[in-house]
Amino acid sequence: MTAEIITLFETNCADIPSMLRGTADNIEAETDDHIRTESIICVQIHENGDLQVYGWGRTDTHQCIANLEIAKHQLIQGLYDV
């Protein structure tokens, strides 16, 4: 399983609701000709540091944990060019 890491720039990602709407639009535009989104894992971070983790679509807690670990590894690889 591999995931593409997309760099978001501060000018467009500062508006979180707009970014989420754009992501939803992209998912709705997916066709059967391409690999379709199966699930989304979202980590919401509040100003006080509290986290809320959402697993939407065809996923469960174990899959969310595994995919978050894979994503962490890919982020570290990208950061350190490993």
Protein backbone atom coordinates (compact mmCIF):
# COMPACT_ATOMS: atom_id res chain seq x y z
CA MET A 1 0.00 0.00 0.00
CA THR A 2 1.43 3.37 -0.93
CA ALA A 3 0.08 6.87 -0.60
CA GLU A 4 1.04 10.00 -2.45
CA ILE A 5 2.13 12.83 -0.17
CA ILE A 6 0.76 16.10 -1.47
CA THR A 7 2.35 19.33 -0.29
CA LEU A 8 -0.23 21.92 0.68
CA PHE A 9 0.76 25.55 0.76
CA GLU A 10 -0.24 27.89 3.55
CA THR A 11 -2.21 30.14 1.18
CA ASN A 12 -4.71 27.40 0.39
CA CYS A 13 -4.65 25.07 3.38
CA ALA A 14 -5.33 27.75 6.00
CA ASP A 15 -9.05 27.53 5.17
CA ILE A 16 -9.77 24.04 6.53
CA PRO A 17 -13.49 23.85 5.63
CA SER A 18 -12.69 24.87 2.04
CA MET A 19 -9.94 22.25 1.81
CA LEU A 20 -12.29 19.55 3.13
CA ARG A 21 -14.97 20.59 0.63
CA GLY A 22 -12.39 20.44 -2.16
CA THR A 23 -11.36 16.96 -1.08
CA ALA A 24 -15.00 15.87 -1.04
CA ASP A 25 -15.45 17.30 -4.55
CA ASN A 26 -12.40 15.37 -5.76
CA ILE A 27 -13.72 12.13 -4.26
CA GLU A 28 -17.15 12.64 -5.83
CA ALA A 29 -15.49 13.23 -9.21
CA GLU A 30 -13.64 9.89 -9.11
CA THR A 31 -14.66 7.48 -11.84
CA ASP A 32 -14.51 3.72 -12.12
CA ASP A 33 -11.60 4.20 -14.54
CA HIS A 34 -9.33 5.17 -11.64
CA ILE A 35 -8.56 3.83 -8.20
CA ARG A 36 -11.40 5.09 -6.04
CA THR A 37 -11.14 6.35 -2.47
CA GLU A 38 -12.04 3.61 -0.02
CA SER A 39 -11.68 5.53 3.22
CA ILE A 40 -10.44 8.75 4.78
CA ILE A 41 -8.71 9.13 8.12
CA CYS A 42 -8.81 12.63 9.55
CA VAL A 43 -7.00 13.88 12.64
CA GLN A 44 -8.54 17.07 13.99
CA ILE A 45 -6.26 19.04 16.34
CA HIS A 46 -7.90 21.58 18.62
CA GLU A 47 -6.18 24.72 19.90
CA ASN A 48 -5.81 23.12 23.33
CA GLY A 49 -4.00 20.11 21.81
CA ASP A 50 -6.90 17.67 22.05
CA LEU A 51 -7.22 15.30 19.11
CA GLN A 52 -10.27 13.85 17.42
CA VAL A 53 -9.65 10.99 14.98
CA TYR A 54 -12.23 10.18 12.32
CA GLY A 55 -12.33 7.08 10.15
CA TRP A 56 -14.76 7.53 7.28
CA GLY A 57 -15.67 4.96 4.66
CA ARG A 58 -14.72 1.29 4.69
CA THR A 59 -12.33 1.22 7.63
CA ASP A 60 -12.15 0.21 11.25
CA THR A 61 -9.97 1.10 14.22
CA HIS A 62 -7.25 -1.42 13.36
CA GLN A 63 -7.04 -0.22 9.74
CA CYS A 64 -6.93 3.41 10.89
CA ILE A 65 -4.03 2.68 13.22
CA ALA A 66 -2.14 0.77 10.51
CA ASN A 67 -2.71 3.47 7.89
CA LEU A 68 -1.69 6.26 10.26
CA GLU A 69 1.56 4.38 10.96
CA ILE A 70 2.19 3.95 7.22
CA ALA A 71 1.46 7.66 6.67
CA LYS A 72 3.85 8.58 9.51
CA HIS A 73 6.59 6.47 7.92
CA GLN A 74 6.02 8.08 4.50
CA LEU A 75 6.12 11.57 6.01
CA ILE A 76 9.41 10.78 7.76
CA GLN A 77 10.84 9.32 4.55
CA GLY A 78 9.86 12.46 2.65
CA LEU A 79 11.25 14.73 5.33
CA TYR A 80 14.63 13.01 5.51
CA ASP A 81 14.71 11.77 1.90
CA VAL A 82 15.26 8.21 3.18
